[in-house]
Protein backbone atom coordinates (compact mmCIF):
# COMPACT_ATOMS: atom_id res chain seq x y z
CA MET A 1 47.31 74.80 135.92
CA ASP A 2 46.77 71.77 138.09
CA THR A 3 46.82 72.42 141.87
CA PRO A 4 49.24 70.13 143.75
CA ASP A 5 47.58 67.43 145.94
CA ALA A 6 47.12 68.51 149.61
CA THR A 7 45.17 67.48 152.70
CA VAL A 8 41.98 69.57 152.72
CA PRO A 9 39.62 69.61 155.76
CA GLU A 10 36.39 67.75 155.10
CA PRO A 11 33.16 69.79 155.16
CA GLY A 12 31.81 70.15 158.67
CA ASP A 13 35.13 69.30 160.37
CA PRO A 14 34.77 70.72 163.92
CA SER A 15 38.36 71.88 163.86
CA LEU A 16 37.39 74.56 161.37
CA ASN A 17 34.92 76.11 163.80
CA PRO A 18 34.15 79.72 162.89
CA ALA A 19 37.03 79.79 160.39
CA GLY A 20 35.33 77.08 158.33
CA GLU A 21 32.18 79.07 157.93
CA SER A 22 31.68 78.75 154.24
CA THR A 23 32.29 75.00 154.42
CA GLN A 24 29.73 74.60 157.21
CA ARG A 25 27.18 76.36 155.10
CA LEU A 26 27.61 73.70 152.53
CA GLY A 27 27.27 71.04 155.18
CA THR A 28 24.12 72.65 156.62
CA ALA A 29 22.55 72.87 153.22
CA ALA A 30 23.10 69.16 152.80
CA SER A 31 22.26 68.02 156.38
CA ASP A 32 19.11 66.57 157.86
CA GLY A 33 18.55 69.78 159.88
CA THR A 34 20.16 68.61 163.07
CA GLY A 35 22.90 71.26 162.84
CA ALA A 36 25.60 68.66 163.27
CA GLY A 37 27.19 69.91 160.03
CA ALA A 38 28.11 66.45 158.80
CA PRO A 39 26.12 64.19 156.48
CA ALA A 40 24.42 61.31 158.33
CA ASP A 41 25.36 57.76 157.59
CA THR A 42 21.75 56.68 157.97
CA GLY A 43 18.45 58.42 157.66
CA GLY A 44 15.72 59.12 155.22
CA ALA A 45 15.94 59.49 151.53
CA ALA A 46 16.42 63.20 151.80
CA GLY A 47 19.48 62.70 154.02
CA THR A 48 20.89 60.14 151.70
CA GLY A 49 20.30 62.38 148.70
CA ALA A 50 21.93 65.33 150.44
CA SER A 51 24.98 63.25 151.27
CA ALA A 52 25.25 62.10 147.70
CA ASN A 53 24.92 65.64 146.40
CA LEU A 54 27.59 66.86 148.79
CA ALA A 55 29.96 64.06 147.82
CA ALA A 56 29.42 64.92 144.20
CA LEU A 57 30.13 68.55 144.84
CA TRP A 58 33.24 67.74 146.90
CA ALA A 59 34.53 65.56 144.13
CA ASN A 60 34.38 68.57 141.86
CA ARG A 61 38.04 69.65 141.54
CA ARG A 62 37.37 73.34 141.04
CA LEU A 63 35.18 73.47 144.13
CA ARG A 64 37.91 71.80 146.18
CA VAL A 65 40.40 74.45 145.09
CA ILE A 66 37.98 77.27 146.00
CA VAL A 67 37.20 75.76 149.38
CA ALA A 68 40.89 75.18 150.16
CA ALA A 69 41.75 78.77 149.22
CA ALA A 70 38.89 80.09 151.39
CA VAL A 71 40.05 78.05 154.38
CA ALA A 72 43.65 79.26 153.97
CA PHE A 73 42.50 82.89 153.66
CA VAL A 74 40.41 82.67 156.84
CA LEU A 75 43.19 80.97 158.81
CA LEU A 76 45.77 83.51 157.73
CA GLY A 77 43.42 86.39 158.36
CA SER A 78 42.60 85.35 161.89
CA GLY A 79 46.31 84.66 162.59
CA ALA A 80 47.22 88.15 161.44
CA VAL A 81 44.48 89.72 163.63
CA TRP A 82 45.69 87.76 166.64
CA ALA A 83 49.31 88.74 165.99
CA GLY A 84 48.38 92.39 165.61
CA ALA A 85 46.50 92.38 168.87
CA ALA A 86 49.34 90.66 170.70
CA THR A 87 52.02 93.06 169.49
CA GLY A 88 50.09 96.22 169.96
CA GLY A 89 50.76 97.46 166.45
CA LEU A 90 54.50 96.67 166.36
CA GLU A 91 56.17 95.48 163.22
CA PRO A 92 54.30 92.42 161.91
CA ARG A 93 56.03 89.09 162.48
CA ALA A 94 55.30 85.49 161.72
CA VAL A 95 53.03 83.74 164.26
CA PRO A 96 52.73 79.96 164.45
CA VAL A 97 49.37 78.55 163.51
CA ALA A 98 47.79 75.90 165.70
CA GLY A 99 48.91 72.46 164.75
CA THR A 100 52.28 73.59 163.33
CA THR A 101 55.78 73.61 164.83
CA SER A 102 57.29 76.80 166.14
CA THR A 103 60.62 76.29 164.32
CA PRO A 104 61.14 79.34 162.10
CA THR A 105 61.52 78.80 158.40
CA PRO A 106 65.10 79.66 157.32
CA THR A 107 65.40 82.76 155.18
CA PRO A 108 66.35 81.62 151.70
CA THR A 109 69.78 82.71 150.47
CA PRO A 110 69.39 85.18 147.62
CA THR A 111 70.62 83.85 144.34
CA THR A 112 71.79 85.86 141.39
CA PRO A 113 69.35 85.32 138.58
CA GLU A 114 70.85 83.78 135.50
CA LEU A 115 71.44 86.54 133.02
CA ARG A 116 70.28 86.18 129.48
CA PRO A 117 73.28 86.17 127.13
CA ALA A 118 73.95 89.56 125.59
CA PRO A 119 72.99 89.68 121.95
CA ALA A 120 75.85 89.51 119.48
CA ALA A 121 77.02 92.85 118.12
CA ALA A 122 75.05 93.85 115.11
CA THR A 123 76.92 93.29 111.87
CA THR A 124 77.07 96.36 109.70
CA ALA A 125 76.40 95.45 106.13
CA SER A 126 79.09 96.56 103.69
CA PRO A 127 77.83 99.07 101.17
CA LEU A 128 77.17 97.83 97.68
CA ARG A 129 80.09 99.08 95.64
CA THR A 130 79.58 99.57 91.94
CA CYS A 131 82.81 101.04 90.54
CA SER A 132 84.67 98.21 88.80
CA VAL A 133 88.23 98.13 87.47
CA ALA A 134 87.93 94.54 86.23
CA ASP A 135 88.71 95.51 82.65
CA LEU A 136 91.84 97.39 83.73
CA ALA A 137 92.99 94.45 85.84
CA ALA A 138 92.69 92.21 82.76
CA ASP A 139 95.26 94.30 80.82
CA SER A 140 97.82 91.83 79.43
CA ARG A 141 100.60 94.38 80.01
CA LEU A 142 100.29 93.64 83.73
CA GLY A 143 101.57 90.08 83.27
CA ASP A 144 101.19 88.07 86.46
CA PHE A 145 99.02 90.62 88.22
CA GLN A 146 98.72 91.02 91.98
CA ALA A 147 97.13 93.90 93.85
CA GLN A 148 95.35 95.01 96.98
CA VAL A 149 93.52 98.24 97.82
CA VAL A 150 92.42 99.17 101.34
CA ASN A 151 90.39 102.01 102.82
CA ALA A 152 93.06 103.66 104.96
CA ALA A 153 90.56 104.91 107.56
CA THR A 154 88.61 101.69 108.12
CA GLY A 155 91.08 98.99 107.05
CA GLU A 156 88.43 97.44 104.80
CA ILE A 157 89.84 95.58 101.80
CA LEU A 158 88.16 97.01 98.72
CA PHE A 159 90.03 95.13 96.01
CA ASP A 160 92.21 92.03 96.17
CA ARG A 161 94.00 89.94 93.59
CA GLY A 162 96.55 87.66 95.22
CA GLY A 163 97.12 90.15 98.01
CA SER A 164 98.34 87.56 100.52
CA THR A 165 100.91 85.99 98.17
CA ALA A 166 104.50 87.05 98.84
CA SER A 167 106.28 88.01 95.61
CA ARG A 168 109.24 90.10 94.52
CA ALA A 169 108.46 93.74 95.22
CA ALA A 170 111.42 95.31 93.35
CA SER A 171 112.36 98.74 94.72
CA VAL A 172 109.18 98.98 96.78
CA LEU A 173 111.22 96.89 99.24
CA LYS A 174 113.05 100.13 100.08
CA VAL A 175 109.97 101.13 102.09
CA LEU A 176 110.53 98.17 104.43
CA THR A 177 114.25 98.96 104.67
CA SER A 178 113.40 102.56 105.57
CA ALA A 179 110.81 101.56 108.18
CA ALA A 180 113.33 99.20 109.82
CA ALA A 181 116.02 101.92 109.80
CA LEU A 182 113.66 104.31 111.60
CA SER A 183 112.97 101.61 114.18
CA VAL A 184 116.52 100.32 114.76
CA LEU A 185 118.69 103.38 114.04
CA GLY A 186 116.24 106.20 114.67
CA PRO A 187 115.74 109.28 112.48
CA ASP A 188 118.76 111.14 113.95
CA TYR A 189 121.42 108.44 113.50
CA ARG A 190 124.44 109.50 111.39
CA ALA A 191 127.13 107.27 109.91
CA THR A 192 130.63 108.44 110.87
CA THR A 193 133.87 108.23 108.93
CA THR A 194 137.00 108.63 111.11
CA VAL A 195 140.73 109.09 110.78
CA VAL A 196 142.83 107.50 113.55
CA ALA A 197 146.53 107.29 114.27
CA GLY A 198 148.31 104.36 112.65
CA ALA A 199 150.67 101.84 114.17
CA GLU A 200 153.75 103.58 112.71
CA PRO A 201 155.02 107.17 112.76
CA GLY A 202 153.52 109.25 109.95
CA GLN A 203 150.76 106.70 109.40
CA ILE A 204 147.03 107.35 109.64
CA VAL A 205 144.05 105.07 109.08
CA LEU A 206 140.92 106.11 107.19
CA VAL A 207 138.13 104.07 108.79
CA GLY A 208 134.86 103.68 106.89
CA GLY A 209 131.73 103.85 109.03
CA GLY A 210 129.29 102.91 106.31
CA ASP A 211 128.75 106.39 104.85
CA LEU A 212 128.44 105.78 101.12
CA THR A 213 127.58 109.46 100.57
CA LEU A 214 130.97 110.86 101.69
CA SER A 215 131.91 113.10 98.79
CA SER A 216 135.09 113.68 96.82
CA THR A 217 133.77 117.04 95.58
CA PRO A 218 135.20 120.21 97.14
CA THR A 219 133.48 121.61 100.21
CA GLY A 220 130.76 123.99 99.02
CA ASP A 221 130.29 122.06 95.79
CA GLU A 222 127.34 119.73 96.35
CA SER A 223 127.48 116.23 94.94
CA PHE A 224 124.40 114.24 93.98
CA TYR A 225 123.94 113.67 97.73
CA GLU A 226 123.09 117.15 98.94
CA GLY A 227 124.46 117.92 102.40
CA ALA A 228 127.02 115.09 102.37
CA ALA A 229 130.30 115.33 104.27
CA HIS A 230 133.36 116.15 102.17
CA LEU A 231 136.64 114.31 102.00
CA ASP A 232 138.72 117.49 101.73
CA ALA A 233 137.48 118.72 105.12
CA LEU A 234 138.31 115.35 106.69
CA ALA A 235 141.83 115.48 105.26
CA GLU A 236 142.37 118.98 106.59
CA GLN A 237 141.35 117.88 110.11
CA ALA A 238 143.77 114.93 109.92
CA ARG A 239 146.71 117.08 108.79
CA THR A 240 146.09 119.48 111.62
CA ALA A 241 145.83 116.77 114.29
CA ALA A 242 148.69 114.53 113.09
CA GLU A 243 152.09 114.68 114.79
CA GLY A 244 154.43 115.46 111.94
CA PRO A 245 154.00 114.82 108.23
CA ILE A 246 151.64 112.08 106.97
CA THR A 247 153.48 109.55 104.86
CA SER A 248 151.06 106.62 104.61
CA VAL A 249 147.35 105.92 104.73
CA VAL A 250 145.73 102.62 105.64
CA LEU A 251 142.20 102.01 104.37
CA ASP A 252 139.92 100.17 106.83
CA SER A 253 136.59 99.01 105.38
CA SER A 254 135.99 96.17 107.83
CA TYR A 255 132.80 97.66 109.28
CA PHE A 256 130.90 95.88 106.48
CA GLY A 257 131.70 92.23 105.72
CA ASP A 258 132.27 90.59 102.35
CA PRO A 259 131.01 89.99 99.77
CA GLY A 260 130.20 93.46 98.52
CA TRP A 261 128.00 92.11 95.73
CA GLU A 262 124.88 90.01 96.34
CA PRO A 263 125.12 86.89 94.12
CA SER A 264 121.57 87.21 92.78
CA TRP A 265 122.24 90.68 91.36
CA ASP A 266 122.94 91.11 87.67
CA ARG A 267 126.37 92.71 87.11
CA LYS A 268 124.91 95.03 84.50
CA GLU A 269 123.38 96.99 87.40
CA GLN A 270 126.96 97.97 88.26
CA THR A 271 128.13 98.83 84.78
CA ASP A 272 124.86 100.57 83.87
CA GLY A 273 125.30 102.78 86.90
CA TYR A 274 122.55 101.64 89.30
CA MET A 275 124.45 99.77 92.03
CA PRO A 276 127.95 99.88 93.55
CA GLU A 277 129.80 97.19 95.45
CA ILE A 278 128.66 97.62 99.08
CA THR A 279 131.67 98.63 101.17
CA ALA A 280 131.86 100.59 104.42
CA LEU A 281 134.35 103.01 102.85
CA GLN A 282 133.61 104.72 99.54
CA VAL A 283 132.89 108.15 98.12
CA ASP A 284 129.86 109.40 96.14
CA GLY A 285 128.26 105.97 96.09
CA ASP A 286 131.30 105.01 93.93
CA ARG A 287 130.02 106.96 90.91
CA ASP A 288 132.24 107.93 88.03
CA ASP A 289 130.28 111.20 87.96
CA PRO A 290 129.51 112.34 91.53
CA TYR A 291 126.82 114.73 90.35
CA ARG A 292 124.58 112.26 88.55
CA SER A 293 122.10 109.71 89.93
CA THR A 294 122.91 107.12 87.30
CA SER A 295 126.61 106.71 86.66
CA ALA A 296 128.92 103.73 86.13
CA ARG A 297 130.50 102.26 89.25
CA SER A 298 134.00 100.83 89.73
CA ASP A 299 135.22 97.38 90.68
CA ASP A 300 136.96 98.71 93.81
CA PRO A 301 135.17 101.46 95.72
CA VAL A 302 137.69 101.33 98.61
CA ALA A 303 140.64 101.99 96.30
CA ARG A 304 138.77 104.89 94.67
CA ALA A 305 138.13 106.46 98.08
CA GLY A 306 141.77 105.95 99.15
CA ALA A 307 143.14 107.62 96.03
CA ALA A 308 140.83 110.61 96.48
CA PHE A 309 141.86 110.98 100.15
CA ALA A 310 145.58 110.77 99.33
CA ASP A 311 145.10 113.53 96.74
CA GLU A 312 143.54 115.75 99.39
CA LEU A 313 146.42 115.08 101.81
CA GLY A 314 149.00 116.00 99.18
CA GLY A 315 152.62 114.99 99.13
CA ASP A 316 154.05 111.55 98.55
CA VAL A 317 151.56 109.38 100.49
CA THR A 318 151.40 105.62 100.11
CA VAL A 319 148.06 103.82 100.34
CA SER A 320 147.36 100.28 101.61
CA VAL A 321 144.46 98.25 102.97
CA GLY A 322 144.29 97.05 106.56
CA THR A 323 142.62 97.66 109.92
CA ALA A 324 143.00 100.31 112.57
CA PRO A 325 144.92 99.52 115.75
CA ALA A 326 142.73 98.87 118.76
CA GLY A 327 142.20 101.99 120.84
CA ALA A 328 143.89 104.27 118.31
CA ALA A 329 143.49 108.01 118.89
CA VAL A 330 140.87 109.71 116.72
CA LEU A 331 142.37 112.53 114.65
CA ALA A 332 139.35 113.53 112.53
CA SER A 333 135.76 112.60 111.80
CA ALA A 334 132.92 113.41 109.41
CA GLN A 335 129.26 112.50 109.64
CA SER A 336 126.60 111.71 107.08
CA GLN A 337 123.20 113.33 106.92
CA PRO A 338 120.77 111.90 109.50
CA VAL A 339 118.76 108.76 108.65
CA SER A 340 115.63 110.86 108.14
CA VAL A 341 117.33 112.69 105.25
CA LEU A 342 119.01 109.59 103.84
CA ILE A 343 115.63 107.80 103.64
CA GLN A 344 114.08 110.62 101.68
CA GLN A 345 117.07 110.83 99.34
CA SER A 346 116.82 107.08 98.80
CA LEU A 347 113.07 106.91 98.14
CA ILE A 348 112.54 109.89 95.88
CA VAL A 349 114.78 108.57 93.07
CA SER A 350 115.02 104.93 94.26
CA ASP A 351 118.73 105.15 95.09
CA ASN A 352 120.10 101.62 95.52
CA ALA A 353 123.36 102.56 97.24
CA LEU A 354 121.60 104.44 100.04
CA ALA A 355 119.10 101.62 100.57
CA GLU A 356 121.93 99.10 100.91
CA MET A 357 123.80 101.45 103.24
CA LEU A 358 120.75 101.68 105.52
CA ALA A 359 120.09 97.93 105.44
CA ARG A 360 123.69 97.08 106.35
CA LEU A 361 123.72 99.65 109.18
CA VAL A 362 120.47 98.14 110.51
CA ALA A 363 122.17 94.73 110.54
CA VAL A 364 125.32 96.00 112.28
CA GLU A 365 123.58 98.18 114.85
CA GLY A 366 120.86 95.56 115.35
CA GLY A 367 123.53 93.04 116.30
CA SER A 368 122.84 90.37 113.68
CA GLY A 369 126.11 90.82 111.75
CA ASN A 370 127.60 92.87 108.92
CA THR A 371 126.91 90.76 105.80
CA PHE A 372 124.02 90.34 103.40
CA GLY A 373 122.87 87.33 105.39
CA ALA A 374 122.44 89.51 108.49
CA ILE A 375 120.01 91.88 106.80
CA GLU A 376 116.84 89.77 106.93
CA PRO A 377 116.78 89.03 110.69
CA ALA A 378 117.70 92.63 111.50
CA VAL A 379 115.08 94.19 109.22
CA LEU A 380 112.33 91.82 110.37
CA ALA A 381 113.20 92.61 113.98
CA GLY A 382 112.97 96.30 113.18
CA LEU A 383 109.60 95.88 111.47
CA LYS A 384 108.22 94.05 114.52
CA GLU A 385 107.73 97.43 116.22
CA TYR A 386 104.88 98.23 113.82
CA GLY A 387 102.76 95.25 114.87
CA ILE A 388 102.11 93.85 111.37
CA ASP A 389 102.48 90.14 110.69
CA THR A 390 105.63 89.58 108.59
CA THR A 391 104.81 85.97 107.68
CA GLY A 392 105.97 85.16 104.16
CA ILE A 393 108.38 88.07 103.85
CA ARG A 394 111.86 87.26 102.56
CA ILE A 395 114.59 89.89 102.52
CA VAL A 396 117.81 89.30 100.62
CA ASP A 397 119.00 92.89 100.25
CA GLY A 398 117.98 96.42 101.17
CA SER A 399 117.25 97.79 97.71
CA GLY A 400 114.88 95.18 96.24
CA LEU A 401 117.16 94.44 93.32
CA SER A 402 117.16 90.68 93.96
CA ASP A 403 114.46 88.45 92.47
CA ASN A 404 114.63 86.45 95.69
CA ASN A 405 112.96 89.11 97.82
CA ALA A 406 109.29 88.46 98.62
CA VAL A 407 106.64 90.71 100.18
CA PRO A 408 102.84 90.24 100.08
CA PRO A 409 100.90 93.25 98.76
CA ALA A 410 98.75 92.95 101.90
CA TYR A 411 101.77 93.78 104.07
CA LEU A 412 102.38 96.96 102.13
CA THR A 413 98.77 98.17 102.35
CA LYS A 414 98.91 97.73 106.14
CA LEU A 415 102.29 99.43 106.48
CA PHE A 416 101.14 102.34 104.33
CA GLN A 417 98.12 102.78 106.61
CA LYS A 418 100.60 103.50 109.40
CA ILE A 419 102.73 105.68 107.14
CA ASN A 420 99.64 107.68 106.15
CA ALA A 421 98.79 108.12 109.86
CA ARG A 422 102.43 109.14 110.53
CA GLU A 423 102.72 106.67 113.38
CA GLY A 424 105.99 106.96 115.28
CA ASN A 425 108.58 108.30 112.84
CA LEU A 426 106.92 106.87 109.73
CA GLY A 427 105.97 110.33 108.49
CA VAL A 428 109.60 110.49 107.29
CA ILE A 429 108.71 107.89 104.66
CA PHE A 430 105.58 109.73 103.57
CA ASP A 431 107.61 112.90 103.04
CA GLY A 432 110.08 111.02 100.83
CA LEU A 433 107.55 109.38 98.50
CA PRO A 434 107.43 110.37 94.82
CA VAL A 435 104.20 112.14 93.82
CA ALA A 436 102.35 111.59 90.56
CA GLY A 437 102.81 114.69 88.41
CA GLY A 438 105.37 116.10 90.87
CA ASP A 439 108.45 118.14 90.01
CA THR A 440 110.98 115.57 91.22
CA GLY A 441 111.23 111.86 91.79
CA SER A 442 110.48 108.68 89.91
CA LEU A 443 106.80 109.57 89.34
CA SER A 444 107.67 112.91 87.74
CA TYR A 445 109.20 111.27 84.67
CA SER A 446 107.62 111.98 81.32
CA ASP A 447 106.22 108.45 80.93
CA ARG A 448 104.34 108.33 84.27
CA PHE A 449 100.72 109.36 84.84
CA THR A 450 100.32 110.98 81.44
CA GLY A 451 97.24 111.48 79.26
CA ALA A 452 94.00 110.45 80.99
CA ASN A 453 96.03 109.16 83.92
CA SER A 454 97.01 112.73 84.76
CA ASP A 455 93.63 112.88 86.53
CA ALA A 456 95.48 111.41 89.50
CA ASP A 457 98.32 113.95 89.46
CA GLY A 458 99.04 115.23 92.93
CA ALA A 459 96.88 112.51 94.50
CA VAL A 460 99.17 109.44 94.33
CA PHE A 461 102.09 109.22 96.78
CA ALA A 462 103.91 105.99 96.01
CA LYS A 463 107.19 104.10 95.75
CA THR A 464 108.04 102.79 92.31
CA GLY A 465 109.78 99.51 91.57
CA TRP A 466 111.43 98.02 88.53
CA ILE A 467 113.63 94.98 87.93
CA ASP A 468 114.00 92.81 84.85
CA THR A 469 111.20 90.51 85.99
CA GLY A 470 108.59 93.00 87.06
CA TYR A 471 107.26 96.46 87.84
CA THR A 472 105.61 97.52 91.09
CA LEU A 473 103.96 100.55 92.68
CA SER A 474 102.73 100.94 96.24
CA GLY A 475 101.61 103.82 98.41
CA ILE A 476 98.73 106.14 99.22
CA ILE A 477 95.92 107.60 97.09
CA ASN A 478 93.87 110.64 98.04
CA ALA A 479 90.88 109.50 96.00
CA ASP A 480 88.44 111.61 94.01
CA ASP A 481 85.65 111.05 96.57
CA ALA A 482 87.88 112.38 99.41
CA SER A 483 88.54 108.89 100.80
CA THR A 484 92.14 107.78 101.38
CA LEU A 485 93.31 104.44 100.01
CA THR A 486 96.48 102.43 100.45
CA PHE A 487 97.46 100.15 97.59
CA ALA A 488 100.06 97.85 96.11
CA VAL A 489 100.24 96.72 92.47
CA TYR A 490 102.62 94.09 91.06
CA ALA A 491 103.07 93.39 87.34
CA LEU A 492 105.43 90.43 87.27
CA GLY A 493 106.88 87.95 84.83
CA ASP A 494 107.64 88.54 81.19
CA VAL A 495 106.52 92.17 81.11
CA GLY A 496 107.78 95.12 79.11
CA ASP A 497 108.41 98.77 79.88
CA ASN A 498 104.75 99.51 79.07
CA ALA A 499 103.76 97.71 82.27
CA LYS A 500 104.39 101.06 83.96
CA GLN A 501 101.58 102.68 81.99
CA ALA A 502 99.22 99.78 82.76
CA ILE A 503 100.03 100.19 86.47
CA ASP A 504 99.39 103.93 86.25
CA THR A 505 96.06 103.29 84.51
CA ILE A 506 94.68 100.91 87.11
CA THR A 507 95.98 103.16 89.90
CA THR A 508 94.09 106.05 88.31
CA GLY A 509 91.06 103.74 88.26
CA PHE A 510 91.45 103.29 92.02
CA PHE A 511 91.64 107.07 92.35
CA ARG A 512 88.42 107.59 90.41
CA CYS A 513 86.48 104.88 92.26
CA GLY A 514 87.61 105.74 95.78
CA ASN A 515 85.58 103.99 98.46
CA ASN A 516 83.09 102.85 95.80
CA LEU A 517 85.73 100.51 94.36
CA SER A 518 84.24 97.08 93.68
CA ASN A 519 86.12 93.83 94.08
CA ASN A 520 84.23 92.31 91.14
């Protein structure tokens, strides 16, 4: 390293005196013996030669550095000795050196050293996964295939085919309806049917509160909806509370707005026994047979309920449609099962009427309205509680029957992670899911998870879906390697009934692969 330029005392400078001892020795060695310590300007050849030699030495850069360091050392040393003597051994302090000013040097302000940036967090390499279901995914029975599989514990996406694309989810949409109902209504909410005094003597009003499970079967005789309220008990309360004989009944179904049928639904769903008109007043989900899940529905659920109620009242009672007087006295009431039970009854067999009942109640209680158009904003608001991005989701109904519904598989895998963890009240949904190889529910049917696919029996907890334009399945897999997966599979388009078996087969593939599932 080069030493910075500085003024260095010349050899023999009298100001060095004893402190310049080593420099004077150089000067003496090069002098003419007079002891003056400085090279003579004139003299003999020896003097001239000595001066030349000294100049040459002084020109040597290394020697200049050594001499300067020696001079500084001696000056500092003698200053320290003098200071020590003057202070009598007190704490050492700075002493001015001859020829310098006495102004103290300011103490430098400490500065925080610049910190080296912290290294970026180490990236953990994903394990090399070798279990492929590519051949199963290529099954033509799956039609327009979409799917996503996620490790429920880590959130890592193991398999993805169009997972971010929102498409019709069929009855898997009931999971979103249920999650919103738990958020907006709460698990303990019950729908209430009331009887109030009418505007005229002898008149009462039967007011529907959205309970589609209210049963026309006798008390003690369970309908398809186990634990439902019974119309005969409601009629008995009304007779007891009424002042005088009941001569007329007004039917008030205004709690839900019109229309009762979503325009995108196929009417055969009504005649084939899968979906009723959605009205706030009806009995047994408007089934012809109140004991069966699938049973033809009528064109006028309100009229059916009114006729059944009049029969329970007895006598010559007229029936009409209208609304209850404001502030009318309540004569009788009956409540549905709590939302927690209704959700499980809806999911296990994919009951459309219950799903629509829950969706409409979410809309009414959420404040967005009482029609089909009010369902989407209310359900999306209810889903917001779970902190999952709902971008791309479209909700037309509560059951998933419409082709116009759209949900990305990726939303379902995230929601099922929370369901698996039983966050909030979402454990209610888990407890209502059909189980592969179970005794009840839509995965217990004879054409689901059969043959080699029975390997996954008891390990797949999932909601089934079926409409004319597709089959779906989404839920939770307790995989063969003890990992837990969440998944969603869509088989859409021009697919046949055998799409169900193709879905079961690839789901069993997910079960066998577990966390070793490859995306290739």
